[in-house]
Every structure is written in structure tokens, then in C-alpha cells.
Amino acid sequence: MQDSIRDTSKTGPIHLSRDGRTVEVNVQYLVKTFGKHEAVKGVSFTIGKGEIFGLLGPNGAGKSTTINMMCGYLQPTSGDTIINGFSVTKEPMKVKRNIGVVPQEIALYKDLNSMENLEFFGEIYGVSAKERKERAEEILHFVGLYERRKEPVENFSGGMQRRINMAIAMIHRPAFLMMDEPTVGVDPQSRENIFDTIEKLRDQGITILYTTHYMEEAERLCNHIAIMDEGCIIALGTLEQLLAMRDQNREVQRPHGLQELFIQLTGKTLRD
């Protein structure tokens, strides 16, 4: 099976892990229609345990809809996602206990401090009171904000709030994290800190789905990268495989980087 495919008339490639990893996430022909509009057109791929999988695409490509179906927030028209052996459509609560979601928008109670936010969300996940406190302290050390734990989140910089946003997604020890543009609007130092945190999570065996509009982030972090457009996966593989791809139908020439390939595949038309 090819690792890179460009044919939007088909459902897209199924990525098979070839580096010995156990498959952690299996996305099976997800379809979502809104009235007559088919937003996602049979998307399939797998993610190996402990890898960072990049999901890229222009605005309106279907990324957010796909992620919302994968985490159980949105019911698919057809298809399913299996995470750590559990079906999102059949066992949604078991899936939700195994995943953490880092949304693009900051999802914090800004009048509470870091510890209070983490303990609150830990309680929602059913983490015991003793474990909540211990886990919150552990995560705050991990993201470098333990010394600021008693300060209201509203006093934090954008980068610090994004790190707490990530910490909340980890409070219940999920096996799989979905990160939706976690570095939007942060300074270079904060971005570097977030990258370090993500790489440490990967090294601990956490599986990560990562979306971004910054191609250099995907080049640095991702083991495999999928590019979506018009509801389909149009290319998928390692960075090296993608940069070596050809597509005579779209006149794709050997690109010099991921951004050049992205533009060749999805075009220059604005997606406002």
C-alpha cells in the first residue's frame, strides 16, 4: 500500500504502522454530512503507540470535524474510531477516559489558580481527591509552572495559559492526546517550551494527534503527516516520503519543504 496518495475521489489512504509500533488509534472510514454538504468523505488512518501524527490542512478541509468525531463530540454519519481497543461510537465513555483534548481555544477558569483548575477537571474525570492533588503537582512541575500554582490563571501570559491548557488534558493520565494548534499566539520561548513538553510526552509513550498551520512544527515533531483537503486525506506518509512524492495529475514537483508541498497540493486560493 502506498504511503502517499493523491486522489480525492477515493476515501484516502489507511496508514499502516511500519516501525514496529502497536496501533493505538484506528480511524475507520469516517464520514460526516451536514444536510447536503459532505464535510468528511471517508477518512481512514492509523496511529502507532507513542508517535506524533500530524493532521494538516487549510481552513475548511475537515480537520476539526474529523477530530470532533474521533473524540466522540460529534456523531459520525458513518465510520468509527477505535482508541486503545474501544469504539468511539459504541463505548464513548471508555474512549473519553483514555483520551485528552487540548483545544485551540483556551479552556480554563481564569479566576481560579492552576491547582484549582487541575483539581476541578480531575474531579470531572473521576480522579480521587488524593490522586488529584498529587497528579496536579506532578503535572505543574512537568510544564514548569509549579512555583506559580497559587496565582490566578488570568494573570498568566498566553504561553503560560496554553501550558495549563495542556496540563488539564493530562490530569487523568490519558494514553492518547489530541492537540489542536497548541502554539497559536505564543512567543518563540513559549513555543519552544511547548515543543519540549510534547517531545517528553512522546518519549513517555503517549500517542499524540497534532494539528497546526505552522509547517515547521510538523516537520520537527511528527513521525507521520496527513494532509487533508475538501474532506479527504490527499497525502500521507513520513516527512521524507511526502517530500519525495510525485503527482502528475496535480503537477506536483519535488518540493523543497513541507510548506511548498502543502501549497502545491491544496493551492493558493484563500480559505476564509
C-alpha atoms as a PDB file:
ATOM      1  CA  MET A   1       0.000   0.000   0.000  1.00  0.00           C
ATOM      2  CA  GLN A   2       1.256   3.465  -0.825  1.00  0.00           C
ATOM      3  CA  ASP A   3       2.165   5.818   1.979  1.00  0.00           C
ATOM      4  CA  SER A   4       1.215   8.869  -0.104  1.00  0.00           C
ATOM      5  CA  ILE A   5      -1.871   9.070  -2.281  1.00  0.00           C
ATOM      6  CA  ARG A   6      -3.441  11.967  -4.148  1.00  0.00           C
ATOM      7  CA  ASP A   7      -6.926  11.064  -5.331  1.00  0.00           C
ATOM      8  CA  THR A   8      -9.829  12.900  -3.742  1.00  0.00           C
ATOM      9  CA  SER A   9     -12.335  10.642  -5.496  1.00  0.00           C
ATOM     10  CA  LYS A  10     -11.327   7.877  -3.079  1.00  0.00           C
ATOM     11  CA  THR A  11     -11.587   7.641   0.682  1.00  0.00           C
ATOM     12  CA  GLY A  12      -7.905   8.244   1.273  1.00  0.00           C
ATOM     13  CA  PRO A  13      -5.073   6.046   2.463  1.00  0.00           C
ATOM     14  CA  ILE A  14      -5.007   3.832   5.511  1.00  0.00           C
ATOM     15  CA  HIS A  15      -1.658   4.401   7.178  1.00  0.00           C
ATOM     16  CA  LEU A  16      -0.163   1.148   8.443  1.00  0.00           C
ATOM     17  CA  SER A  17       2.480   1.456  11.127  1.00  0.00           C
ATOM     18  CA  ARG A  18       5.705   0.022   9.717  1.00  0.00           C
ATOM     19  CA  ASP A  19       8.165   0.728  12.522  1.00  0.00           C
ATOM     20  CA  GLY A  20       7.076  -1.987  14.927  1.00  0.00           C
ATOM     21  CA  ARG A  21       4.653   0.162  16.920  1.00  0.00           C
ATOM     22  CA  THR A  22       1.390  -1.209  18.233  1.00  0.00           C
ATOM     23  CA  VAL A  23      -1.574   0.566  16.639  1.00  0.00           C
ATOM     24  CA  GLU A  24      -3.149   2.830  19.274  1.00  0.00           C
ATOM     25  CA  VAL A  25      -5.712   4.674  17.120  1.00  0.00           C
ATOM     26  CA  ASN A  26      -7.622   3.250  14.161  1.00  0.00           C
ATOM     27  CA  VAL A  27      -9.766   5.724  12.229  1.00  0.00           C
ATOM     28  CA  GLN A  28     -12.143   3.753  10.008  1.00  0.00           C
ATOM     29  CA  TYR A  29     -13.772   5.477   7.005  1.00  0.00           C
ATOM     30  CA  LEU A  30     -15.219   8.435   8.884  1.00  0.00           C
ATOM     31  CA  VAL A  31     -17.952  10.285   7.012  1.00  0.00           C
ATOM     32  CA  LYS A  32     -19.848  13.363   8.174  1.00  0.00           C
ATOM     33  CA  THR A  33     -22.581  15.139   6.262  1.00  0.00           C
ATOM     34  CA  PHE A  34     -24.415  18.314   7.226  1.00  0.00           C
ATOM     35  CA  GLY A  35     -27.534  18.380   5.096  1.00  0.00           C
ATOM     36  CA  LYS A  36     -26.298  18.036   1.528  1.00  0.00           C
ATOM     37  CA  HIS A  37     -22.719  19.010   2.410  1.00  0.00           C
ATOM     38  CA  GLU A  38     -20.273  16.159   2.936  1.00  0.00           C
ATOM     39  CA  ALA A  39     -17.651  17.652   5.246  1.00  0.00           C
ATOM     40  CA  VAL A  40     -15.619  14.464   5.713  1.00  0.00           C
ATOM     41  CA  LYS A  41     -15.562  11.876   2.948  1.00  0.00           C
ATOM     42  CA  GLY A  42     -14.411   8.536   4.322  1.00  0.00           C
ATOM     43  CA  VAL A  43     -11.205   9.380   6.168  1.00  0.00           C
ATOM     44  CA  SER A  44      -9.080   6.429   7.356  1.00  0.00           C
ATOM     45  CA  PHE A  45      -5.683   6.167   9.019  1.00  0.00           C
ATOM     46  CA  THR A  46      -3.981   4.555  11.993  1.00  0.00           C
ATOM     47  CA  ILE A  47      -1.603   5.983  14.580  1.00  0.00           C
ATOM     48  CA  GLY A  48       1.084   3.896  16.227  1.00  0.00           C
ATOM     49  CA  LYS A  49       1.541   3.939  20.006  1.00  0.00           C
ATOM     50  CA  GLY A  50       3.953   6.642  21.105  1.00  0.00           C
ATOM     51  CA  GLU A  51       4.072   8.528  17.819  1.00  0.00           C
ATOM     52  CA  ILE A  52       3.135  12.086  16.946  1.00  0.00           C
ATOM     53  CA  PHE A  53       0.769  12.111  13.973  1.00  0.00           C
ATOM     54  CA  GLY A  54       0.321  15.427  12.176  1.00  0.00           C
ATOM     55  CA  LEU A  55      -3.061  16.288  10.656  1.00  0.00           C
ATOM     56  CA  LEU A  56      -2.684  19.304   8.376  1.00  0.00           C
ATOM     57  CA  GLY A  57      -4.979  21.142   6.019  1.00  0.00           C
ATOM     58  CA  PRO A  58      -6.315  24.571   5.055  1.00  0.00           C
ATOM     59  CA  ASN A  59      -9.329  26.085   6.776  1.00  0.00           C
ATOM     60  CA  GLY A  60     -12.458  24.099   5.945  1.00  0.00           C
ATOM     61  CA  ALA A  61     -10.548  20.952   4.991  1.00  0.00           C
ATOM     62  CA  GLY A  62     -12.411  18.808   7.544  1.00  0.00           C
ATOM     63  CA  LYS A  63      -9.744  18.545  10.254  1.00  0.00           C
ATOM     64  CA  SER A  64     -11.855  19.834  13.142  1.00  0.00           C
ATOM     65  CA  THR A  65     -14.847  17.738  12.095  1.00  0.00           C
ATOM     66  CA  THR A  66     -12.615  14.654  11.970  1.00  0.00           C
ATOM     67  CA  ILE A  67     -11.171  15.367  15.411  1.00  0.00           C
ATOM     68  CA  ASN A  68     -14.635  16.007  16.853  1.00  0.00           C
ATOM     69  CA  MET A  69     -15.777  12.613  15.581  1.00  0.00           C
ATOM     70  CA  MET A  70     -12.649  10.907  16.888  1.00  0.00           C
ATOM     71  CA  CYS A  71     -13.174  12.193  20.432  1.00  0.00           C
ATOM     72  CA  GLY A  72     -16.923  11.497  20.496  1.00  0.00           C
ATOM     73  CA  TYR A  73     -18.034  15.122  20.474  1.00  0.00           C
ATOM     74  CA  LEU A  74     -19.681  14.686  17.065  1.00  0.00           C
ATOM     75  CA  GLN A  75     -21.535  11.582  15.921  1.00  0.00           C
ATOM     76  CA  PRO A  76     -20.235  10.362  12.535  1.00  0.00           C
ATOM     77  CA  THR A  77     -22.670   9.809   9.686  1.00  0.00           C
ATOM     78  CA  SER A  78     -20.782   6.554   9.180  1.00  0.00           C
ATOM     79  CA  GLY A  79     -17.495   5.020  10.209  1.00  0.00           C
ATOM     80  CA  ASP A  80     -15.840   4.670  13.599  1.00  0.00           C
ATOM     81  CA  THR A  81     -12.668   5.302  15.566  1.00  0.00           C
ATOM     82  CA  ILE A  82     -11.060   2.654  17.766  1.00  0.00           C
ATOM     83  CA  ILE A  83      -8.823   4.043  20.507  1.00  0.00           C
ATOM     84  CA  ASN A  84      -6.898   1.682  22.765  1.00  0.00           C
ATOM     85  CA  GLY A  85      -9.334  -1.066  21.753  1.00  0.00           C
ATOM     86  CA  PHE A  86     -12.532   0.898  22.449  1.00  0.00           C
ATOM     87  CA  SER A  87     -15.049   2.095  19.856  1.00  0.00           C
ATOM     88  CA  VAL A  88     -15.978   5.789  19.969  1.00  0.00           C
ATOM     89  CA  THR A  89     -19.465   5.086  18.625  1.00  0.00           C
ATOM     90  CA  LYS A  90     -20.174   2.087  20.882  1.00  0.00           C
ATOM     91  CA  GLU A  91     -18.168   2.821  24.038  1.00  0.00           C
ATOM     92  CA  PRO A  92     -17.798   6.611  24.137  1.00  0.00           C
ATOM     93  CA  MET A  93     -17.249   6.915  27.891  1.00  0.00           C
ATOM     94  CA  LYS A  94     -14.450   4.339  27.854  1.00  0.00           C
ATOM     95  CA  VAL A  95     -12.829   6.224  24.999  1.00  0.00           C
ATOM     96  CA  LYS A  96     -13.100   9.552  26.811  1.00  0.00           C
ATOM     97  CA  ARG A  97     -11.295   8.079  29.830  1.00  0.00           C
ATOM     98  CA  ASN A  98      -8.406   7.151  27.518  1.00  0.00           C
ATOM     99  CA  ILE A  99      -8.023  10.472  25.710  1.00  0.00           C
ATOM    100  CA  GLY A 100      -7.117  14.050  26.492  1.00  0.00           C
ATOM    101  CA  VAL A 101      -8.007  17.016  24.294  1.00  0.00           C
ATOM    102  CA  VAL A 102      -6.038  20.262  24.104  1.00  0.00           C
ATOM    103  CA  PRO A 103      -8.424  22.649  22.323  1.00  0.00           C
ATOM    104  CA  GLN A 104      -7.308  25.570  20.212  1.00  0.00           C
ATOM    105  CA  GLU A 105      -9.305  27.948  22.391  1.00  0.00           C
ATOM    106  CA  ILE A 106      -8.117  28.324  25.981  1.00  0.00           C
ATOM    107  CA  ALA A 107     -10.490  26.280  28.183  1.00  0.00           C
ATOM    108  CA  LEU A 108      -9.726  27.441  31.729  1.00  0.00           C
ATOM    109  CA  TYR A 109     -11.464  29.095  34.645  1.00  0.00           C
ATOM    110  CA  LYS A 110      -9.296  32.185  34.700  1.00  0.00           C
ATOM    111  CA  ASP A 111     -10.371  33.374  38.157  1.00  0.00           C
ATOM    112  CA  LEU A 112      -9.046  30.103  39.632  1.00  0.00           C
ATOM    113  CA  ASN A 113      -5.391  29.284  40.097  1.00  0.00           C
ATOM    114  CA  SER A 114      -3.543  26.441  38.368  1.00  0.00           C
ATOM    115  CA  MET A 115      -4.027  23.924  41.167  1.00  0.00           C
ATOM    116  CA  GLU A 116      -7.736  24.706  41.419  1.00  0.00           C
ATOM    117  CA  ASN A 117      -8.206  24.317  37.662  1.00  0.00           C
ATOM    118  CA  LEU A 118      -6.396  20.983  37.602  1.00  0.00           C
ATOM    119  CA  GLU A 119      -8.223  19.611  40.632  1.00  0.00           C
ATOM    120  CA  PHE A 120     -11.579  20.731  39.216  1.00  0.00           C
ATOM    121  CA  PHE A 121     -11.052  18.979  35.890  1.00  0.00           C
ATOM    122  CA  GLY A 122      -9.536  15.981  37.652  1.00  0.00           C
ATOM    123  CA  GLU A 123     -12.742  15.596  39.642  1.00  0.00           C
ATOM    124  CA  ILE A 124     -14.772  15.703  36.414  1.00  0.00           C
ATOM    125  CA  TYR A 125     -12.645  12.806  35.130  1.00  0.00           C
ATOM    126  CA  GLY A 126     -13.289  10.850  38.325  1.00  0.00           C
ATOM    127  CA  VAL A 127      -9.763  11.100  39.735  1.00  0.00           C
ATOM    128  CA  SER A 128      -9.752  10.600  43.516  1.00  0.00           C
ATOM    129  CA  ALA A 129      -9.095  13.631  45.750  1.00  0.00           C
ATOM    130  CA  LYS A 130      -5.696  12.345  46.934  1.00  0.00           C
ATOM    131  CA  GLU A 131      -4.563  11.442  43.425  1.00  0.00           C
ATOM    132  CA  ARG A 132      -5.862  14.741  42.011  1.00  0.00           C
ATOM    133  CA  LYS A 133      -3.604  16.779  44.284  1.00  0.00           C
ATOM    134  CA  GLU A 134      -0.560  14.557  43.686  1.00  0.00           C
ATOM    135  CA  ARG A 135      -1.161  14.452  39.945  1.00  0.00           C
ATOM    136  CA  ALA A 136      -1.732  18.225  39.726  1.00  0.00           C
ATOM    137  CA  GLU A 137       1.579  18.903  41.483  1.00  0.00           C
ATOM    138  CA  GLU A 138       3.354  16.394  39.232  1.00  0.00           C
ATOM    139  CA  ILE A 139       1.986  17.972  36.048  1.00  0.00           C
ATOM    140  CA  LEU A 140       2.712  21.530  37.175  1.00  0.00           C
ATOM    141  CA  HIS A 141       6.341  20.531  37.710  1.00  0.00           C
ATOM    142  CA  PHE A 142       6.270  18.897  34.280  1.00  0.00           C
ATOM    143  CA  VAL A 143       5.062  22.057  32.482  1.00  0.00           C
ATOM    144  CA  GLY A 144       7.282  24.327  34.579  1.00  0.00           C
ATOM    145  CA  LEU A 145       4.550  26.196  36.447  1.00  0.00           C
ATOM    146  CA  TYR A 146       4.624  24.692  39.929  1.00  0.00           C
ATOM    147  CA  GLU A 147       6.011  27.880  41.507  1.00  0.00           C
ATOM    148  CA  ARG A 148       3.038  29.825  40.081  1.00  0.00           C
ATOM    149  CA  ARG A 149       0.417  27.288  41.210  1.00  0.00           C
ATOM    150  CA  LYS A 150      -1.406  29.642  43.604  1.00  0.00           C
ATOM    151  CA  GLU A 151      -1.610  32.568  41.194  1.00  0.00           C
ATOM    152  CA  PRO A 152      -4.878  33.201  39.302  1.00  0.00           C
ATOM    153  CA  VAL A 153      -4.655  31.988  35.722  1.00  0.00           C
ATOM    154  CA  GLU A 154      -5.925  35.360  34.486  1.00  0.00           C
ATOM    155  CA  ASN A 155      -2.520  36.797  35.453  1.00  0.00           C
ATOM    156  CA  PHE A 156      -0.673  34.336  33.207  1.00  0.00           C
ATOM    157  CA  SER A 157       0.737  35.119  29.791  1.00  0.00           C
ATOM    158  CA  GLY A 158      -0.793  33.461  26.727  1.00  0.00           C
ATOM    159  CA  GLY A 159       2.010  30.905  26.627  1.00  0.00           C
ATOM    160  CA  MET A 160       1.549  30.010  30.303  1.00  0.00           C
ATOM    161  CA  GLN A 161      -2.202  29.599  29.813  1.00  0.00           C
ATOM    162  CA  ARG A 162      -1.562  27.243  26.909  1.00  0.00           C
ATOM    163  CA  ARG A 163       0.739  25.155  29.098  1.00  0.00           C
ATOM    164  CA  ILE A 164      -2.000  24.895  31.742  1.00  0.00           C
ATOM    165  CA  ASN A 165      -4.428  24.009  28.943  1.00  0.00           C
ATOM    166  CA  MET A 166      -2.106  21.097  28.094  1.00  0.00           C
ATOM    167  CA  ALA A 167      -1.754  20.130  31.753  1.00  0.00           C
ATOM    168  CA  ILE A 168      -5.517  19.801  32.155  1.00  0.00           C
ATOM    169  CA  ALA A 169      -5.650  17.358  29.244  1.00  0.00           C
ATOM    170  CA  MET A 170      -3.103  15.169  31.082  1.00  0.00           C
ATOM    171  CA  ILE A 171      -4.657  15.155  34.571  1.00  0.00           C
ATOM    172  CA  HIS A 172      -6.276  11.691  34.165  1.00  0.00           C
ATOM    173  CA  ARG A 173      -3.211  10.039  32.544  1.00  0.00           C
ATOM    174  CA  PRO A 174      -4.629   9.562  29.026  1.00  0.00           C
ATOM    175  CA  ALA A 175      -2.948   7.229  26.553  1.00  0.00           C
ATOM    176  CA  PHE A 176      -3.850   9.468  23.596  1.00  0.00           C
ATOM    177  CA  LEU A 177      -3.698  13.264  23.345  1.00  0.00           C
ATOM    178  CA  MET A 178      -5.322  15.395  20.646  1.00  0.00           C
ATOM    179  CA  MET A 179      -3.668  18.797  20.323  1.00  0.00           C
ATOM    180  CA  ASP A 180      -5.414  21.365  18.154  1.00  0.00           C
ATOM    181  CA  GLU A 181      -2.971  24.156  17.273  1.00  0.00           C
ATOM    182  CA  PRO A 182      -1.469  24.365  20.786  1.00  0.00           C
ATOM    183  CA  THR A 183       1.035  27.122  19.923  1.00  0.00           C
ATOM    184  CA  VAL A 184      -1.322  29.719  18.441  1.00  0.00           C
ATOM    185  CA  GLY A 185      -0.438  33.230  19.564  1.00  0.00           C
ATOM    186  CA  VAL A 186       2.549  32.417  21.777  1.00  0.00           C
ATOM    187  CA  ASP A 187       6.076  33.855  21.747  1.00  0.00           C
ATOM    188  CA  PRO A 188       9.084  31.851  20.491  1.00  0.00           C
ATOM    189  CA  GLN A 189      10.241  30.932  24.014  1.00  0.00           C
ATOM    190  CA  SER A 190       6.802  29.587  24.925  1.00  0.00           C
ATOM    191  CA  ARG A 191       6.617  27.644  21.660  1.00  0.00           C
ATOM    192  CA  GLU A 192       9.977  26.039  22.388  1.00  0.00           C
ATOM    193  CA  ASN A 193       8.795  25.090  25.885  1.00  0.00           C
ATOM    194  CA  ILE A 194       5.617  23.541  24.450  1.00  0.00           C
ATOM    195  CA  PHE A 195       7.683  21.588  21.909  1.00  0.00           C
ATOM    196  CA  ASP A 196       9.912  20.273  24.711  1.00  0.00           C
ATOM    197  CA  THR A 197       6.827  19.197  26.671  1.00  0.00           C
ATOM    198  CA  ILE A 198       5.338  17.414  23.657  1.00  0.00           C
ATOM    199  CA  GLU A 199       8.602  15.613  22.959  1.00  0.00           C
ATOM    200  CA  LYS A 200       8.805  14.484  26.605  1.00  0.00           C
ATOM    201  CA  LEU A 201       5.253  13.135  26.368  1.00  0.00           C
ATOM    202  CA  ARG A 202       6.196  11.237  23.216  1.00  0.00           C
ATOM    203  CA  ASP A 203       9.245   9.807  24.970  1.00  0.00           C
ATOM    204  CA  GLN A 204       6.933   8.577  27.761  1.00  0.00           C
ATOM    205  CA  GLY A 205       4.943   6.600  25.197  1.00  0.00           C
ATOM    206  CA  ILE A 206       1.969   8.973  24.897  1.00  0.00           C
ATOM    207  CA  THR A 207       0.348   8.936  21.449  1.00  0.00           C
ATOM    208  CA  ILE A 208      -0.389  12.394  20.039  1.00  0.00           C
ATOM    209  CA  LEU A 209      -2.528  13.755  17.201  1.00  0.00           C
ATOM    210  CA  TYR A 210      -1.206  17.217  16.345  1.00  0.00           C
ATOM    211  CA  THR A 211      -2.797  19.872  14.153  1.00  0.00           C
ATOM    212  CA  THR A 212      -1.055  23.074  13.154  1.00  0.00           C
ATOM    213  CA  HIS A 213      -0.852  25.653  10.380  1.00  0.00           C
ATOM    214  CA  TYR A 214       2.889  26.035  11.028  1.00  0.00           C
ATOM    215  CA  MET A 215       4.604  23.588   8.691  1.00  0.00           C
ATOM    216  CA  GLU A 216       7.932  23.800  10.529  1.00  0.00           C
ATOM    217  CA  GLU A 217       6.217  22.425  13.654  1.00  0.00           C
ATOM    218  CA  ALA A 218       5.028  19.343  11.783  1.00  0.00           C
ATOM    219  CA  GLU A 219       8.480  18.915  10.241  1.00  0.00           C
ATOM    220  CA  ARG A 220      10.072  18.963  13.681  1.00  0.00           C
ATOM    221  CA  LEU A 221       7.591  16.916  15.699  1.00  0.00           C
ATOM    222  CA  CYS A 222       5.655  14.455  13.572  1.00  0.00           C
ATOM    223  CA  ASN A 223       6.528  10.843  12.771  1.00  0.00           C
ATOM    224  CA  HIS A 224       3.801  10.724  10.110  1.00  0.00           C
ATOM    225  CA  ILE A 225       1.866  13.546   8.471  1.00  0.00           C
ATOM    226  CA  ALA A 226      -1.532  13.532   6.762  1.00  0.00           C
ATOM    227  CA  ILE A 227      -2.687  16.446   4.601  1.00  0.00           C
ATOM    228  CA  MET A 228      -6.448  16.946   4.271  1.00  0.00           C
ATOM    229  CA  ASP A 229      -8.419  18.986   1.766  1.00  0.00           C
ATOM    230  CA  GLU A 230     -12.087  19.024   0.773  1.00  0.00           C
ATOM    231  CA  GLY A 231     -12.908  16.332   3.339  1.00  0.00           C
ATOM    232  CA  CYS A 232     -10.307  13.816   2.126  1.00  0.00           C
ATOM    233  CA  ILE A 233      -6.785  12.832   3.026  1.00  0.00           C
ATOM    234  CA  ILE A 234      -4.790  13.752  -0.074  1.00  0.00           C
ATOM    235  CA  ALA A 235      -1.293  12.763   1.089  1.00  0.00           C
ATOM    236  CA  LEU A 236       0.080  10.717   3.951  1.00  0.00           C
ATOM    237  CA  GLY A 237       3.489   9.434   4.990  1.00  0.00           C
ATOM    238  CA  THR A 238       6.676  10.340   6.777  1.00  0.00           C
ATOM    239  CA  LEU A 239       8.176  13.739   6.020  1.00  0.00           C
ATOM    240  CA  GLU A 240      10.779  12.085   3.817  1.00  0.00           C
ATOM    241  CA  GLN A 241       8.117  10.149   1.885  1.00  0.00           C
ATOM    242  CA  LEU A 242       5.997  13.249   1.364  1.00  0.00           C
ATOM    243  CA  LEU A 243       8.902  15.336   0.128  1.00  0.00           C
ATOM    244  CA  ALA A 244       9.808  12.606  -2.360  1.00  0.00           C
ATOM    245  CA  MET A 245       6.286  12.237  -3.753  1.00  0.00           C
ATOM    246  CA  ARG A 246       5.159  12.966  -7.308  1.00  0.00           C
ATOM    247  CA  ASP A 247       1.689  13.594  -8.647  1.00  0.00           C
ATOM    248  CA  GLN A 248       1.375  14.053 -12.383  1.00  0.00           C
ATOM    249  CA  ASN A 249      -2.351  14.840 -12.165  1.00  0.00           C
ATOM    250  CA  ARG A 250      -1.652  17.859  -9.973  1.00  0.00           C
ATOM    251  CA  GLU A 251       1.767  18.573 -11.462  1.00  0.00           C
ATOM    252  CA  VAL A 252       3.411  18.215  -8.093  1.00  0.00           C
ATOM    253  CA  GLN A 253       7.152  18.634  -8.432  1.00  0.00           C
ATOM    254  CA  ARG A 254       9.662  17.548  -5.818  1.00  0.00           C
ATOM    255  CA  PRO A 255       9.135  20.173  -3.086  1.00  0.00           C
ATOM    256  CA  HIS A 256      11.917  21.741  -1.059  1.00  0.00           C
ATOM    257  CA  GLY A 257       9.880  21.615   2.161  1.00  0.00           C
ATOM    258  CA  LEU A 258       6.523  20.714   3.641  1.00  0.00           C
ATOM    259  CA  GLN A 259       5.039  24.170   3.095  1.00  0.00           C
ATOM    260  CA  GLU A 260       5.857  24.067  -0.617  1.00  0.00           C
ATOM    261  CA  LEU A 261       4.254  20.622  -0.921  1.00  0.00           C
ATOM    262  CA  PHE A 262       1.215  21.801   1.045  1.00  0.00           C
ATOM    263  CA  ILE A 263       0.680  24.733  -1.336  1.00  0.00           C
ATOM    264  CA  GLN A 264       1.219  22.559  -4.409  1.00  0.00           C
ATOM    265  CA  LEU A 265      -1.427  20.097  -3.183  1.00  0.00           C
ATOM    266  CA  THR A 266      -4.037  22.471  -1.766  1.00  0.00           C
ATOM    267  CA  GLY A 267      -3.490  25.540  -3.973  1.00  0.00           C
ATOM    268  CA  LYS A 268      -3.100  29.233  -3.184  1.00  0.00           C
ATOM    269  CA  THR A 269      -6.803  30.111  -3.005  1.00  0.00           C
ATOM    270  CA  LEU A 270      -7.654  31.758   0.330  1.00  0.00           C
ATOM    271  CA  ARG A 271      -9.926  29.696   2.608  1.00  0.00           C
ATOM    272  CA  ASP A 272     -11.558  32.469   4.639  1.00  0.00           C
END
